[in-house]
Amino acid sequence: MDIPLSVDLNSALELPACQDIRLPLPKDLKIQLPTGGSIQAIADVSKGIPDDCAMTFSLMVQIAPLLASLECLLKILKLLKPLVDVITNLPFPPVKAVQDFAKAAVDLAPCFLIPTPAVIAPFVRDILCLILRVLGCLRDQLESLLKIMRDLQEQLAAARSAGNFALEETLLCAQENAEISGQHLMKAIEPIAVLLDLAGSVMALAGVGPIALPQIGDKADLQALQTLLQTLDGVIGSIEDAVGVVGGCPA
């Protein structure tokens, strides 16, 4: 039996047109750099379908450190132009070129302080404090994982003693997954070792000796992760000592 419906109700029950629910394509965003290259927005698909806002924030994250690093470089380039004019017109350089050079030299003077311990120390301190926080997070995760693996080991021994093969198989699977999680944690430590290596020359300017993470093996069983935890404790202690040399981390 057909029941007549009002026009408004029919309209409400209609499926929306495809063009009305189609996902928008994010714009191809980029910033042209004065050096000739460009920075391209990166779509982070791990956080869902990217939109224009996500792409814009991607550019902001990339451009901020670039702008921070360009200041002294631009001042150096500003100094070079009048310097070339002065040198190429010796022994009688143009007065304006000399004046421009003197002004650019004054603007550049603060950059000469960058390699000094007083200026570089806060930067080194902040880097080391950041690494400490990251290592602290990894250490907490590692301790939690070790507790899980110890419990699994005890349960596995009990299941084998009781001849419970079904439970043993389940626990072996859980143990394998725990070891895979341990491998991910070990991979997360590798970039920190690279960062410490890259920061070595900067740390030396602040009077801080080199800090290196020992070589981490491939195994992620209980014994290997216990050794890794001891290694992390030693590295954290070394970094805490180094931070104390440059003023300590803020509370």
C-alpha atoms as a PDB file:
ATOM      1  CA  MET A   1       0.000   0.000   0.000  1.00  0.00           C
ATOM      2  CA  ASP A   2       1.507   3.297  -1.069  1.00  0.00           C
ATOM      3  CA  ILE A   3       1.331   6.051   1.493  1.00  0.00           C
ATOM      4  CA  PRO A   4       1.641   9.518   0.000  1.00  0.00           C
ATOM      5  CA  LEU A   5       4.306  11.684   1.628  1.00  0.00           C
ATOM      6  CA  SER A   6       4.556  15.400   1.724  1.00  0.00           C
ATOM      7  CA  VAL A   7       7.012  17.191  -0.540  1.00  0.00           C
ATOM      8  CA  ASP A   8       9.094  18.319   2.468  1.00  0.00           C
ATOM      9  CA  LEU A   9       9.351  14.780   3.855  1.00  0.00           C
ATOM     10  CA  ASN A  10      10.287  13.382   0.462  1.00  0.00           C
ATOM     11  CA  SER A  11      12.994  16.031   0.201  1.00  0.00           C
ATOM     12  CA  ALA A  12      14.342  15.159   3.658  1.00  0.00           C
ATOM     13  CA  LEU A  13      14.526  11.443   2.815  1.00  0.00           C
ATOM     14  CA  GLU A  14      16.388  11.918  -0.442  1.00  0.00           C
ATOM     15  CA  LEU A  15      20.039  10.897  -0.467  1.00  0.00           C
ATOM     16  CA  PRO A  16      22.379  13.857  -0.804  1.00  0.00           C
ATOM     17  CA  ALA A  17      23.982  14.445  -4.164  1.00  0.00           C
ATOM     18  CA  CYS A  18      27.550  13.189  -4.519  1.00  0.00           C
ATOM     19  CA  GLN A  19      28.905  16.685  -5.103  1.00  0.00           C
ATOM     20  CA  ASP A  20      27.425  17.779  -1.784  1.00  0.00           C
ATOM     21  CA  ILE A  21      29.311  15.165   0.255  1.00  0.00           C
ATOM     22  CA  ARG A  22      32.460  14.820  -1.846  1.00  0.00           C
ATOM     23  CA  LEU A  23      35.624  15.273   0.229  1.00  0.00           C
ATOM     24  CA  PRO A  24      37.493  18.417  -0.805  1.00  0.00           C
ATOM     25  CA  LEU A  25      40.974  18.022  -2.229  1.00  0.00           C
ATOM     26  CA  PRO A  26      43.552  20.024  -0.277  1.00  0.00           C
ATOM     27  CA  LYS A  27      45.280  22.778  -2.203  1.00  0.00           C
ATOM     28  CA  ASP A  28      48.854  22.347  -3.368  1.00  0.00           C
ATOM     29  CA  LEU A  29      50.492  24.817  -0.970  1.00  0.00           C
ATOM     30  CA  LYS A  30      54.111  25.912  -1.113  1.00  0.00           C
ATOM     31  CA  ILE A  31      56.351  28.815  -0.183  1.00  0.00           C
ATOM     32  CA  GLN A  32      58.952  30.117  -2.599  1.00  0.00           C
ATOM     33  CA  LEU A  33      62.276  30.619  -0.826  1.00  0.00           C
ATOM     34  CA  PRO A  34      64.606  33.530  -1.548  1.00  0.00           C
ATOM     35  CA  THR A  35      67.412  31.022  -2.127  1.00  0.00           C
ATOM     36  CA  GLY A  36      65.613  29.656  -5.190  1.00  0.00           C
ATOM     37  CA  GLY A  37      64.040  26.507  -3.752  1.00  0.00           C
ATOM     38  CA  SER A  38      60.624  26.054  -2.207  1.00  0.00           C
ATOM     39  CA  ILE A  39      58.952  24.415   0.775  1.00  0.00           C
ATOM     40  CA  GLN A  40      56.039  22.109   0.008  1.00  0.00           C
ATOM     41  CA  ALA A  41      53.176  21.377   2.401  1.00  0.00           C
ATOM     42  CA  ILE A  42      53.281  17.753   3.593  1.00  0.00           C
ATOM     43  CA  ALA A  43      50.098  15.722   3.980  1.00  0.00           C
ATOM     44  CA  ASP A  44      50.214  13.743   7.239  1.00  0.00           C
ATOM     45  CA  VAL A  45      47.849  10.877   6.407  1.00  0.00           C
ATOM     46  CA  SER A  46      48.467   9.315   9.827  1.00  0.00           C
ATOM     47  CA  LYS A  47      46.150  12.001  11.278  1.00  0.00           C
ATOM     48  CA  GLY A  48      43.276  11.424   8.888  1.00  0.00           C
ATOM     49  CA  ILE A  49      42.294  12.931   5.567  1.00  0.00           C
ATOM     50  CA  PRO A  50      44.279  16.176   5.128  1.00  0.00           C
ATOM     51  CA  ASP A  51      42.482  19.447   4.460  1.00  0.00           C
ATOM     52  CA  ASP A  52      43.644  22.987   3.714  1.00  0.00           C
ATOM     53  CA  CYS A  53      44.080  23.798   7.414  1.00  0.00           C
ATOM     54  CA  ALA A  54      46.299  20.752   7.990  1.00  0.00           C
ATOM     55  CA  MET A  55      48.397  21.621   4.939  1.00  0.00           C
ATOM     56  CA  THR A  56      48.732  25.224   6.093  1.00  0.00           C
ATOM     57  CA  PHE A  57      49.922  24.180   9.553  1.00  0.00           C
ATOM     58  CA  SER A  58      52.420  21.843   7.888  1.00  0.00           C
ATOM     59  CA  LEU A  59      53.968  24.854   6.165  1.00  0.00           C
ATOM     60  CA  MET A  60      53.989  26.862   9.401  1.00  0.00           C
ATOM     61  CA  VAL A  61      55.898  24.102  11.189  1.00  0.00           C
ATOM     62  CA  GLN A  62      58.496  24.073   8.409  1.00  0.00           C
ATOM     63  CA  ILE A  63      58.879  27.824   7.943  1.00  0.00           C
ATOM     64  CA  ALA A  64      59.329  28.769  11.619  1.00  0.00           C
ATOM     65  CA  PRO A  65      62.807  27.208  12.083  1.00  0.00           C
ATOM     66  CA  LEU A  66      63.838  28.412   8.638  1.00  0.00           C
ATOM     67  CA  LEU A  67      63.006  32.029   9.485  1.00  0.00           C
ATOM     68  CA  ALA A  68      64.854  31.703  12.797  1.00  0.00           C
ATOM     69  CA  SER A  69      68.005  30.509  11.025  1.00  0.00           C
ATOM     70  CA  LEU A  70      67.922  33.124   8.244  1.00  0.00           C
ATOM     71  CA  GLU A  71      68.477  36.245  10.357  1.00  0.00           C
ATOM     72  CA  CYS A  72      72.270  36.163  10.576  1.00  0.00           C
ATOM     73  CA  LEU A  73      72.601  34.784   7.046  1.00  0.00           C
ATOM     74  CA  LEU A  74      70.682  37.753   5.632  1.00  0.00           C
ATOM     75  CA  LYS A  75      72.829  40.156   7.645  1.00  0.00           C
ATOM     76  CA  ILE A  76      75.983  38.549   6.214  1.00  0.00           C
ATOM     77  CA  LEU A  77      74.635  38.875   2.674  1.00  0.00           C
ATOM     78  CA  LYS A  78      73.734  42.501   3.373  1.00  0.00           C
ATOM     79  CA  LEU A  79      77.351  43.080   4.453  1.00  0.00           C
ATOM     80  CA  LEU A  80      78.894  41.426   1.388  1.00  0.00           C
ATOM     81  CA  LYS A  81      77.419  43.780  -1.232  1.00  0.00           C
ATOM     82  CA  PRO A  82      79.056  46.996   0.058  1.00  0.00           C
ATOM     83  CA  LEU A  83      82.205  44.995   0.881  1.00  0.00           C
ATOM     84  CA  VAL A  84      82.520  43.952  -2.771  1.00  0.00           C
ATOM     85  CA  ASP A  85      81.995  47.571  -3.856  1.00  0.00           C
ATOM     86  CA  VAL A  86      84.713  48.741  -1.462  1.00  0.00           C
ATOM     87  CA  ILE A  87      87.247  46.107  -2.550  1.00  0.00           C
ATOM     88  CA  THR A  88      86.652  46.464  -6.280  1.00  0.00           C
ATOM     89  CA  ASN A  89      87.091  50.240  -6.104  1.00  0.00           C
ATOM     90  CA  LEU A  90      90.276  50.345  -4.031  1.00  0.00           C
ATOM     91  CA  PRO A  91      92.229  52.531  -3.367  1.00  0.00           C
ATOM     92  CA  PHE A  92      89.334  55.017  -3.703  1.00  0.00           C
ATOM     93  CA  PRO A  93      86.112  53.209  -2.692  1.00  0.00           C
ATOM     94  CA  PRO A  94      82.790  55.074  -3.000  1.00  0.00           C
ATOM     95  CA  VAL A  95      81.791  56.900   0.172  1.00  0.00           C
ATOM     96  CA  LYS A  96      78.313  55.352   0.096  1.00  0.00           C
ATOM     97  CA  ALA A  97      79.759  51.831  -0.127  1.00  0.00           C
ATOM     98  CA  VAL A  98      81.928  52.489   2.934  1.00  0.00           C
ATOM     99  CA  GLN A  99      78.953  53.906   4.837  1.00  0.00           C
ATOM    100  CA  ASP A 100      76.739  50.945   3.879  1.00  0.00           C
ATOM    101  CA  PHE A 101      79.479  48.527   4.902  1.00  0.00           C
ATOM    102  CA  ALA A 102      79.909  50.211   8.297  1.00  0.00           C
ATOM    103  CA  LYS A 103      76.147  50.102   8.964  1.00  0.00           C
ATOM    104  CA  ALA A 104      75.865  46.430   7.907  1.00  0.00           C
ATOM    105  CA  ALA A 105      78.844  45.561  10.118  1.00  0.00           C
ATOM    106  CA  VAL A 106      77.106  47.093  13.134  1.00  0.00           C
ATOM    107  CA  ASP A 107      73.928  45.111  12.400  1.00  0.00           C
ATOM    108  CA  LEU A 108      75.966  41.910  12.089  1.00  0.00           C
ATOM    109  CA  ALA A 109      77.932  42.401  15.316  1.00  0.00           C
ATOM    110  CA  PRO A 110      75.463  40.445  17.557  1.00  0.00           C
ATOM    111  CA  CYS A 111      75.901  37.398  15.315  1.00  0.00           C
ATOM    112  CA  PHE A 112      79.602  37.288  16.194  1.00  0.00           C
ATOM    113  CA  LEU A 113      78.557  36.398  19.756  1.00  0.00           C
ATOM    114  CA  ILE A 114      76.765  33.212  18.698  1.00  0.00           C
ATOM    115  CA  PRO A 115      79.821  30.911  19.051  1.00  0.00           C
ATOM    116  CA  THR A 116      80.632  32.258  22.533  1.00  0.00           C
ATOM    117  CA  PRO A 117      79.784  30.098  25.566  1.00  0.00           C
ATOM    118  CA  ALA A 118      77.520  32.730  27.135  1.00  0.00           C
ATOM    119  CA  VAL A 119      75.230  32.831  24.092  1.00  0.00           C
ATOM    120  CA  ILE A 120      75.395  29.181  23.040  1.00  0.00           C
ATOM    121  CA  ALA A 121      74.927  27.707  26.548  1.00  0.00           C
ATOM    122  CA  PRO A 122      71.138  28.350  26.803  1.00  0.00           C
ATOM    123  CA  PHE A 123      70.652  26.728  23.391  1.00  0.00           C
ATOM    124  CA  VAL A 124      72.653  23.672  24.421  1.00  0.00           C
ATOM    125  CA  ARG A 125      70.766  23.517  27.721  1.00  0.00           C
ATOM    126  CA  ASP A 126      67.382  23.536  25.950  1.00  0.00           C
ATOM    127  CA  ILE A 127      68.474  20.805  23.521  1.00  0.00           C
ATOM    128  CA  LEU A 128      69.733  18.577  26.337  1.00  0.00           C
ATOM    129  CA  CYS A 129      66.609  19.186  28.423  1.00  0.00           C
ATOM    130  CA  LEU A 130      64.470  18.235  25.424  1.00  0.00           C
ATOM    131  CA  ILE A 131      66.463  15.024  24.962  1.00  0.00           C
ATOM    132  CA  LEU A 132      66.093  14.292  28.669  1.00  0.00           C
ATOM    133  CA  ARG A 133      62.310  14.588  28.424  1.00  0.00           C
ATOM    134  CA  VAL A 134      62.198  12.286  25.405  1.00  0.00           C
ATOM    135  CA  LEU A 135      64.469   9.714  27.056  1.00  0.00           C
ATOM    136  CA  GLY A 136      62.357   9.925  30.208  1.00  0.00           C
ATOM    137  CA  CYS A 137      59.226   9.103  28.203  1.00  0.00           C
ATOM    138  CA  LEU A 138      60.952   6.200  26.480  1.00  0.00           C
ATOM    139  CA  ARG A 139      62.292   4.943  29.798  1.00  0.00           C
ATOM    140  CA  ASP A 140      58.783   4.952  31.326  1.00  0.00           C
ATOM    141  CA  GLN A 141      57.424   3.004  28.360  1.00  0.00           C
ATOM    142  CA  LEU A 142      60.321   0.577  28.574  1.00  0.00           C
ATOM    143  CA  GLU A 143      59.711  -0.055  32.287  1.00  0.00           C
ATOM    144  CA  SER A 144      56.012  -0.729  31.603  1.00  0.00           C
ATOM    145  CA  LEU A 145      56.890  -3.118  28.796  1.00  0.00           C
ATOM    146  CA  LEU A 146      59.436  -4.934  30.975  1.00  0.00           C
ATOM    147  CA  LYS A 147      56.804  -5.462  33.673  1.00  0.00           C
ATOM    148  CA  ILE A 148      54.457  -6.955  31.081  1.00  0.00           C
ATOM    149  CA  MET A 149      57.192  -9.231  29.752  1.00  0.00           C
ATOM    150  CA  ARG A 150      58.158 -10.430  33.245  1.00  0.00           C
ATOM    151  CA  ASP A 151      54.506 -11.243  33.999  1.00  0.00           C
ATOM    152  CA  LEU A 152      54.209 -13.088  30.701  1.00  0.00           C
ATOM    153  CA  GLN A 153      57.348 -15.067  31.448  1.00  0.00           C
ATOM    154  CA  GLU A 154      55.962 -16.177  34.826  1.00  0.00           C
ATOM    155  CA  GLN A 155      52.578 -17.061  33.326  1.00  0.00           C
ATOM    156  CA  LEU A 156      54.272 -18.958  30.517  1.00  0.00           C
ATOM    157  CA  ALA A 157      56.311 -21.014  32.977  1.00  0.00           C
ATOM    158  CA  ALA A 158      53.146 -21.819  34.962  1.00  0.00           C
ATOM    159  CA  ALA A 159      51.235 -22.852  31.822  1.00  0.00           C
ATOM    160  CA  ARG A 160      54.058 -25.161  30.763  1.00  0.00           C
ATOM    161  CA  SER A 161      54.216 -26.725  34.213  1.00  0.00           C
ATOM    162  CA  ALA A 162      50.466 -27.327  34.127  1.00  0.00           C
ATOM    163  CA  GLY A 163      50.608 -28.742  30.594  1.00  0.00           C
ATOM    164  CA  ASN A 164      48.136 -26.127  29.391  1.00  0.00           C
ATOM    165  CA  PHE A 165      49.242 -26.017  25.758  1.00  0.00           C
ATOM    166  CA  ALA A 166      46.399 -23.757  24.593  1.00  0.00           C
ATOM    167  CA  LEU A 167      47.286 -21.112  27.178  1.00  0.00           C
ATOM    168  CA  GLU A 168      50.975 -21.551  26.402  1.00  0.00           C
ATOM    169  CA  GLU A 169      50.337 -20.813  22.721  1.00  0.00           C
ATOM    170  CA  THR A 170      48.343 -17.688  23.608  1.00  0.00           C
ATOM    171  CA  LEU A 171      51.060 -16.458  25.964  1.00  0.00           C
ATOM    172  CA  LEU A 172      53.771 -17.092  23.365  1.00  0.00           C
ATOM    173  CA  CYS A 173      51.833 -14.909  20.938  1.00  0.00           C
ATOM    174  CA  ALA A 174      51.526 -12.170  23.557  1.00  0.00           C
ATOM    175  CA  GLN A 175      55.257 -12.471  24.276  1.00  0.00           C
ATOM    176  CA  GLU A 176      56.059 -12.083  20.583  1.00  0.00           C
ATOM    177  CA  ASN A 177      53.899  -8.964  20.371  1.00  0.00           C
ATOM    178  CA  ALA A 178      55.657  -7.539  23.425  1.00  0.00           C
ATOM    179  CA  GLU A 179      59.038  -8.112  21.781  1.00  0.00           C
ATOM    180  CA  ILE A 180      57.795  -6.344  18.638  1.00  0.00           C
ATOM    181  CA  SER A 181      56.789  -3.389  20.826  1.00  0.00           C
ATOM    182  CA  GLY A 182      60.290  -3.476  22.270  1.00  0.00           C
ATOM    183  CA  GLN A 183      61.769  -3.281  18.772  1.00  0.00           C
ATOM    184  CA  HIS A 184      59.671  -0.173  18.080  1.00  0.00           C
ATOM    185  CA  LEU A 185      60.985   1.420  21.270  1.00  0.00           C
ATOM    186  CA  MET A 186      64.546   0.640  20.253  1.00  0.00           C
ATOM    187  CA  LYS A 187      63.923   2.237  16.844  1.00  0.00           C
ATOM    188  CA  ALA A 188      62.562   5.355  18.585  1.00  0.00           C
ATOM    189  CA  ILE A 189      65.902   5.786  20.381  1.00  0.00           C
ATOM    190  CA  GLU A 190      67.969   5.855  17.172  1.00  0.00           C
ATOM    191  CA  PRO A 191      67.057   9.468  16.167  1.00  0.00           C
ATOM    192  CA  ILE A 192      68.172  10.648  19.622  1.00  0.00           C
ATOM    193  CA  ALA A 193      71.615   9.172  19.019  1.00  0.00           C
ATOM    194  CA  VAL A 194      71.774  11.069  15.709  1.00  0.00           C
ATOM    195  CA  LEU A 195      70.715  14.311  17.411  1.00  0.00           C
ATOM    196  CA  LEU A 196      73.371  13.942  20.103  1.00  0.00           C
ATOM    197  CA  ASP A 197      76.001  13.343  17.434  1.00  0.00           C
ATOM    198  CA  LEU A 198      74.911  16.412  15.432  1.00  0.00           C
ATOM    199  CA  ALA A 199      74.877  18.582  18.561  1.00  0.00           C
ATOM    200  CA  GLY A 200      78.434  17.584  19.511  1.00  0.00           C
ATOM    201  CA  SER A 201      80.169  20.595  17.943  1.00  0.00           C
ATOM    202  CA  VAL A 202      77.638  23.030  19.424  1.00  0.00           C
ATOM    203  CA  MET A 203      77.959  21.419  22.853  1.00  0.00           C
ATOM    204  CA  ALA A 204      81.739  21.798  22.679  1.00  0.00           C
ATOM    205  CA  LEU A 205      81.338  25.580  22.250  1.00  0.00           C
ATOM    206  CA  ALA A 206      79.392  25.621  25.531  1.00  0.00           C
ATOM    207  CA  GLY A 207      82.054  23.604  27.334  1.00  0.00           C
ATOM    208  CA  VAL A 208      80.040  20.364  27.346  1.00  0.00           C
ATOM    209  CA  GLY A 209      81.785  17.150  26.418  1.00  0.00           C
ATOM    210  CA  PRO A 210      80.396  14.746  23.806  1.00  0.00           C
ATOM    211  CA  ILE A 211      77.575  12.427  24.824  1.00  0.00           C
ATOM    212  CA  ALA A 212      76.874   9.315  22.787  1.00  0.00           C
ATOM    213  CA  LEU A 213      74.366   6.508  23.037  1.00  0.00           C
ATOM    214  CA  PRO A 214      75.987   3.070  22.982  1.00  0.00           C
ATOM    215  CA  GLN A 215      75.244   0.818  20.042  1.00  0.00           C
ATOM    216  CA  ILE A 216      71.821  -0.774  20.454  1.00  0.00           C
ATOM    217  CA  GLY A 217      71.453  -4.378  19.351  1.00  0.00           C
ATOM    218  CA  ASP A 218      68.670  -5.965  17.314  1.00  0.00           C
ATOM    219  CA  LYS A 219      67.269  -8.289  19.982  1.00  0.00           C
ATOM    220  CA  ALA A 220      64.217  -7.175  21.957  1.00  0.00           C
ATOM    221  CA  ASP A 221      63.798 -10.047  24.408  1.00  0.00           C
ATOM    222  CA  LEU A 222      63.565  -9.560  28.163  1.00  0.00           C
ATOM    223  CA  GLN A 223      67.322  -9.682  28.750  1.00  0.00           C
ATOM    224  CA  ALA A 224      68.088  -7.249  25.903  1.00  0.00           C
ATOM    225  CA  LEU A 225      65.488  -4.744  27.100  1.00  0.00           C
ATOM    226  CA  GLN A 226      66.772  -4.931  30.683  1.00  0.00           C
ATOM    227  CA  THR A 227      70.241  -4.112  29.354  1.00  0.00           C
ATOM    228  CA  LEU A 228      68.777  -1.257  27.317  1.00  0.00           C
ATOM    229  CA  LEU A 229      67.107   0.158  30.439  1.00  0.00           C
ATOM    230  CA  GLN A 230      70.448   0.159  32.270  1.00  0.00           C
ATOM    231  CA  THR A 231      72.035   1.872  29.259  1.00  0.00           C
ATOM    232  CA  LEU A 232      69.341   4.557  29.228  1.00  0.00           C
ATOM    233  CA  ASP A 233      69.819   5.166  32.957  1.00  0.00           C
ATOM    234  CA  GLY A 234      73.535   5.763  32.360  1.00  0.00           C
ATOM    235  CA  VAL A 235      72.925   8.121  29.418  1.00  0.00           C
ATOM    236  CA  ILE A 236      70.259  10.046  31.339  1.00  0.00           C
ATOM    237  CA  GLY A 237      72.711  10.475  34.220  1.00  0.00           C
ATOM    238  CA  SER A 238      75.406  11.767  31.840  1.00  0.00           C
ATOM    239  CA  ILE A 239      73.007  14.262  30.264  1.00  0.00           C
ATOM    240  CA  GLU A 240      71.820  15.456  33.677  1.00  0.00           C
ATOM    241  CA  ASP A 241      75.455  16.121  34.629  1.00  0.00           C
ATOM    242  CA  ALA A 242      76.001  17.991  31.353  1.00  0.00           C
ATOM    243  CA  VAL A 243      72.872  20.091  31.841  1.00  0.00           C
ATOM    244  CA  GLY A 244      74.163  21.098  35.254  1.00  0.00           C
ATOM    245  CA  VAL A 245      77.211  22.635  33.546  1.00  0.00           C
ATOM    246  CA  VAL A 246      74.996  24.965  31.443  1.00  0.00           C
ATOM    247  CA  GLY A 247      72.536  25.997  34.135  1.00  0.00           C
ATOM    248  CA  GLY A 248      70.184  23.032  34.594  1.00  0.00           C
ATOM    249  CA  CYS A 249      66.706  22.395  33.217  1.00  0.00           C
ATOM    250  CA  PRO A 250      63.884  24.756  34.225  1.00  0.00           C
ATOM    251  CA  ALA A 251      61.571  23.374  36.890  1.00  0.00           C
END
